[in-house]
Protein backbone atom coordinates (compact mmCIF):
# COMPACT_ATOMS: atom_id res chain seq x y z
CA UNK A 1 -18.95 -61.88 -26.70
CA UNK A 2 -20.39 -57.94 -27.25
CA UNK A 3 -23.50 -57.41 -26.71
CA UNK A 4 -24.76 -53.62 -28.31
CA UNK A 5 -27.34 -52.95 -25.50
CA UNK A 6 -28.89 -50.19 -27.71
CA UNK A 7 -29.84 -52.40 -30.14
CA UNK A 8 -31.18 -55.85 -28.36
CA UNK A 9 -32.36 -58.42 -30.95
CA UNK A 10 -33.71 -61.80 -30.44
CA UNK A 11 -31.58 -64.73 -31.51
CA UNK A 12 -32.00 -68.43 -31.77
CA UNK A 13 -28.65 -69.70 -33.14
CA UNK A 14 -26.51 -66.98 -33.88
CA UNK A 15 -26.61 -63.61 -31.77
CA UNK A 16 -28.95 -61.26 -33.68
CA UNK A 17 -30.48 -63.54 -35.64
CA UNK A 18 -33.56 -62.51 -34.60
CA UNK A 19 -35.24 -65.75 -34.35
CA UNK A 20 -38.66 -65.94 -32.58
CA UNK A 21 -41.22 -68.71 -32.03
CA UNK A 22 -44.55 -67.83 -31.32
CA UNK A 23 -48.10 -69.87 -30.82
CA UNK A 24 -51.65 -68.96 -31.81
CA UNK A 25 -55.20 -69.95 -32.62
CA UNK A 26 -56.92 -69.00 -35.69
CA UNK A 27 -61.05 -69.48 -36.00
CA UNK A 28 -61.09 -71.77 -39.08
CA UNK A 29 -60.66 -75.50 -39.40
CA UNK A 30 -57.11 -76.75 -39.65
CA UNK A 31 -56.15 -77.44 -43.44
CA UNK A 32 -53.75 -76.03 -46.03
CA UNK A 33 -55.72 -73.16 -46.29
CA UNK A 34 -55.57 -72.29 -42.68
CA UNK A 35 -51.54 -72.87 -42.61
CA UNK A 36 -51.59 -70.67 -45.27
CA UNK A 37 -53.62 -68.41 -43.43
CA UNK A 38 -50.93 -68.39 -40.29
CA UNK A 39 -48.12 -67.89 -42.45
CA UNK A 40 -49.72 -64.93 -43.82
CA UNK A 41 -50.70 -63.48 -40.58
CA UNK A 42 -47.09 -63.87 -39.16
CA UNK A 43 -45.87 -61.72 -42.08
CA UNK A 44 -48.07 -58.98 -41.64
CA UNK A 45 -46.66 -58.97 -37.91
CA UNK A 46 -43.39 -58.07 -39.45
CA UNK A 47 -41.39 -61.74 -39.27
CA UNK A 48 -39.67 -62.39 -42.29
CA UNK A 49 -39.47 -65.82 -44.16
CA UNK A 50 -42.54 -67.54 -41.53
CA UNK A 51 -42.81 -71.13 -41.30
CA UNK A 52 -45.60 -73.10 -39.88
CA UNK A 53 -43.99 -76.19 -37.86
CA UNK A 54 -46.83 -77.14 -36.49
CA UNK A 55 -50.51 -77.37 -36.54
CA UNK A 56 -53.16 -78.93 -35.03
CA UNK A 57 -56.92 -79.19 -35.20
CA UNK A 58 -58.73 -78.25 -31.96
CA UNK A 59 -61.95 -78.88 -32.96
CA UNK A 60 -65.21 -76.70 -33.74
CA UNK A 61 -63.80 -74.75 -36.47
CA UNK A 62 -60.41 -73.66 -34.68
CA UNK A 63 -57.26 -74.45 -35.02
CA UNK A 64 -53.52 -74.19 -33.60
CA UNK A 65 -50.02 -72.85 -34.71
CA UNK A 66 -46.77 -73.14 -33.99
CA UNK A 67 -44.60 -70.52 -36.35
CA UNK A 68 -40.89 -69.81 -36.53
CA UNK A 69 -39.22 -66.78 -38.30
CA UNK A 70 -36.82 -63.46 -37.92
CA UNK A 71 -38.02 -60.43 -36.21
CA UNK A 72 -36.22 -57.85 -37.68
CA UNK A 73 -36.79 -55.11 -34.58
CA UNK A 74 -34.27 -54.48 -31.79
CA UNK A 75 -34.36 -52.31 -28.71
CA UNK A 76 -33.06 -49.82 -26.96
CA UNK A 77 -32.08 -51.56 -23.61
CA UNK A 78 -30.60 -48.97 -22.13
CA UNK A 79 -33.78 -46.74 -22.08
CA UNK A 80 -36.12 -49.11 -20.52
CA UNK A 81 -36.82 -47.47 -17.03
CA UNK A 82 -39.18 -50.13 -14.91
CA UNK A 83 -40.51 -49.05 -11.76
CA UNK A 84 -38.95 -51.59 -8.94
CA UNK A 85 -40.05 -52.73 -5.30
CA UNK A 86 -36.65 -51.18 -3.86
CA UNK A 87 -36.37 -54.06 -0.65
CA UNK A 88 -34.37 -56.65 0.71
CA UNK A 89 -36.11 -60.20 0.53
CA UNK A 90 -35.55 -61.69 4.14
CA UNK A 91 -35.74 -65.40 5.54
CA UNK A 92 -38.72 -66.54 7.47
CA UNK A 93 -36.54 -65.85 10.65
CA UNK A 94 -35.79 -62.24 9.40
CA UNK A 95 -38.79 -61.46 9.07
CA UNK A 96 -40.40 -62.75 12.36
CA UNK A 97 -37.46 -60.91 14.22
CA UNK A 98 -37.86 -57.34 11.86
CA UNK A 99 -41.75 -57.16 13.14
CA UNK A 100 -40.44 -57.99 16.85
CA UNK A 101 -37.64 -55.27 16.52
CA UNK A 102 -38.84 -52.56 14.55
CA UNK A 103 -42.90 -52.40 14.31
CA UNK A 104 -43.23 -54.35 17.93
CA UNK A 105 -46.96 -55.68 16.76
CA UNK A 106 -48.21 -58.25 14.78
CA UNK A 107 -49.07 -57.53 11.39
CA UNK A 108 -52.38 -57.85 10.13
CA UNK A 109 -53.10 -59.39 6.58
CA UNK A 110 -56.38 -59.88 5.11
CA UNK A 111 -56.20 -61.70 1.23
CA UNK A 112 -58.51 -62.74 -1.10
CA UNK A 113 -59.46 -63.62 -4.89
CA UNK A 114 -62.09 -60.89 -5.77
CA UNK A 115 -64.71 -60.50 -8.19
CA UNK A 116 -65.83 -63.59 -10.07
CA UNK A 117 -62.24 -65.37 -9.52
CA UNK A 118 -62.48 -68.32 -8.37
CA UNK A 119 -58.74 -69.41 -8.81
CA UNK A 120 -56.93 -69.37 -5.31
CA UNK A 121 -54.09 -71.18 -6.01
CA UNK A 122 -51.51 -67.98 -5.94
CA UNK A 123 -53.12 -66.40 -2.94
CA UNK A 124 -53.02 -69.76 -1.11
CA UNK A 125 -49.22 -70.31 -2.00
CA UNK A 126 -48.72 -66.96 -0.11
CA UNK A 127 -50.92 -67.16 2.65
CA UNK A 128 -51.90 -70.81 3.42
CA UNK A 129 -49.94 -72.38 6.74
CA UNK A 130 -47.94 -74.17 4.36
CA UNK A 131 -46.68 -72.18 2.02
CA UNK A 132 -44.97 -72.69 -1.41
CA UNK A 133 -42.04 -74.23 -2.83
CA UNK A 134 -40.74 -74.71 0.52
CA UNK A 135 -41.20 -71.44 1.98
CA UNK A 136 -44.00 -70.75 4.49
CA UNK A 137 -47.05 -69.27 4.13
CA UNK A 138 -47.77 -66.28 6.44
CA UNK A 139 -50.37 -67.57 8.40
CA UNK A 140 -47.25 -69.62 9.84
CA UNK A 141 -45.44 -66.40 10.61
CA UNK A 142 -45.59 -65.51 14.38
CA UNK A 143 -45.44 -62.24 13.85
CA UNK A 144 -48.27 -62.18 11.25
CA UNK A 145 -52.11 -62.72 11.80
CA UNK A 146 -53.09 -63.62 8.21
CA UNK A 147 -56.67 -64.20 6.93
CA UNK A 148 -57.51 -65.70 3.57
CA UNK A 149 -61.31 -65.21 2.62
CA UNK A 150 -61.00 -67.51 -0.04
CA UNK A 151 -62.48 -66.76 -3.75
CA UNK A 152 -65.41 -65.01 -5.45
CA UNK A 153 -64.91 -62.29 -2.57
CA UNK A 154 -66.77 -58.84 -3.70
CA UNK A 155 -64.48 -55.91 -3.16
CA UNK A 156 -66.56 -54.18 -0.43
CA UNK A 157 -67.07 -57.41 1.41
CA UNK A 158 -62.89 -57.35 1.62
CA UNK A 159 -62.74 -53.79 2.46
CA UNK A 160 -65.36 -54.30 5.05
CA UNK A 161 -63.12 -57.21 6.56
CA UNK A 162 -60.06 -55.30 6.17
CA UNK A 163 -61.33 -52.54 8.76
CA UNK A 164 -62.86 -54.89 10.87
CA UNK A 165 -59.41 -56.71 11.32
CA UNK A 166 -57.56 -53.56 11.28
CA UNK A 167 -55.46 -54.60 8.36
CA UNK A 168 -52.55 -53.58 7.93
CA UNK A 169 -52.14 -54.81 4.22
CA UNK A 170 -55.01 -56.20 1.43
CA UNK A 171 -53.58 -59.00 -0.79
CA UNK A 172 -55.56 -59.23 -4.06
CA UNK A 173 -55.03 -62.16 -6.16
CA UNK A 174 -56.17 -61.91 -9.96
CA UNK A 175 -56.05 -65.28 -12.19
CA UNK A 176 -58.90 -64.46 -14.55
CA UNK A 177 -57.68 -62.02 -17.24
CA UNK A 178 -59.90 -62.35 -19.93
CA UNK A 179 -61.06 -59.52 -21.99
CA UNK A 180 -58.95 -57.59 -19.26
CA UNK A 181 -61.59 -58.27 -16.15
CA UNK A 182 -58.40 -58.27 -13.61
CA UNK A 183 -58.00 -54.23 -14.84
CA UNK A 184 -61.83 -53.93 -13.84
CA UNK A 185 -61.72 -55.69 -10.92
CA UNK A 186 -58.56 -54.00 -9.52
CA UNK A 187 -59.43 -50.65 -9.94
CA UNK A 188 -62.87 -50.76 -8.57
CA UNK A 189 -61.39 -52.02 -5.68
CA UNK A 190 -58.99 -48.91 -5.27
CA UNK A 191 -61.76 -46.73 -6.13
CA UNK A 192 -64.08 -47.82 -3.43
CA UNK A 193 -61.13 -47.84 -0.78
CA UNK A 194 -60.83 -44.23 -1.70
CA UNK A 195 -64.34 -43.31 -1.75
CA UNK A 196 -64.64 -44.56 1.67
CA UNK A 197 -61.58 -42.94 3.12
CA UNK A 198 -59.47 -46.15 3.92
CA UNK A 199 -56.98 -45.97 0.88
CA UNK A 200 -53.75 -44.73 2.98
CA UNK A 201 -54.76 -46.92 6.38
CA UNK A 202 -53.46 -49.75 4.51
CA UNK A 203 -51.20 -51.11 2.21
CA UNK A 204 -52.70 -52.79 -1.05
CA UNK A 205 -50.67 -55.40 -2.49
CA UNK A 206 -52.16 -57.42 -5.89
CA UNK A 207 -50.66 -60.48 -7.59
CA UNK A 208 -51.53 -62.64 -10.54
CA UNK A 209 -49.58 -64.49 -13.77
CA UNK A 210 -50.13 -61.10 -15.40
CA UNK A 211 -49.56 -58.33 -12.62
CA UNK A 212 -46.46 -56.79 -12.42
CA UNK A 213 -45.04 -54.07 -10.18
CA UNK A 214 -45.45 -51.59 -12.96
CA UNK A 215 -48.94 -51.97 -13.33
CA UNK A 216 -50.34 -52.30 -10.23
CA UNK A 217 -48.54 -48.88 -9.36
CA UNK A 218 -50.19 -47.36 -12.80
CA UNK A 219 -53.33 -48.53 -11.00
CA UNK A 220 -53.13 -47.29 -7.68
CA UNK A 221 -51.37 -50.37 -5.62
CA UNK A 222 -48.52 -50.29 -3.02
CA UNK A 223 -47.11 -52.96 -5.02
CA UNK A 224 -47.32 -55.96 -7.46
CA UNK A 225 -46.38 -59.58 -7.23
CA UNK A 226 -45.87 -61.71 -10.76
CA UNK A 227 -45.14 -65.53 -11.37
CA UNK A 228 -42.47 -66.87 -9.30
CA UNK A 229 -43.28 -65.33 -6.13
CA UNK A 230 -42.84 -66.23 -2.83
CA UNK A 231 -44.60 -65.74 0.60
CA UNK A 232 -41.41 -64.25 2.29
CA UNK A 233 -41.20 -61.78 -1.19
CA UNK A 234 -44.12 -60.57 0.11
CA UNK A 235 -43.51 -60.66 3.98
CA UNK A 236 -40.53 -58.84 3.57
CA UNK A 237 -41.99 -55.70 0.98
CA UNK A 238 -44.92 -55.38 3.93
CA UNK A 239 -42.60 -55.24 7.18
CA UNK A 240 -40.01 -53.07 5.02
CA UNK A 241 -42.83 -50.61 3.72
CA UNK A 242 -44.52 -50.28 7.29
CA UNK A 243 -41.65 -49.69 9.14
CA UNK A 244 -40.68 -46.94 6.39
CA UNK A 245 -44.01 -45.64 7.12
CA UNK A 246 -44.05 -45.90 10.61
CA UNK A 247 -40.59 -43.35 10.53
CA UNK A 248 -42.17 -40.57 8.36
């Protein structure tokens, strides 16, 4: 099967059929009028022959829809250029051996969910000793000193703790994204670090369900990690980047 990478389209059953599925909520009560509103909205999105296959009453005048249709558009995959983290992913043992060999000092990491964010699942998976998906968290690494400050930590407090502990890296987790509050909070942290003259003294890394490496770079961070990230992914980046900077 030959794919034209300059004209990549969605497909469901047949290559390039453009079949897509989407879901959304409308602020109207469930009913035939709501179903038609969802269909018309899909048409305005550019879908061809949209079909509302599921409608659910959410109560309080809201309804949820699942819509199928065909998208006529394509993208030029060959023209896409995305910033990537170019580093080797090492195992738990390899990371610790690398630190002993190349850095010759323990790596200090301070982590937190900042602002109003109280969701610690992500940061706990990376930092806490038990880790995630069979990978130990940074607290378990003998060559790391990891401090998990928990949730709802003000940015200024996180920076103060980072300075107090002589952090090599600051990890920030942002799960709450309504009204782009995560962007405001992440931007504020970098601005505070720059204002205090400590931005270049440590690595700044952010993560969360709507975080990408590209977004992190745009916001002034050294790296960003999204869904599927494991502790050794973050640990590998930190030690490799610290070693690279040490040689400069």
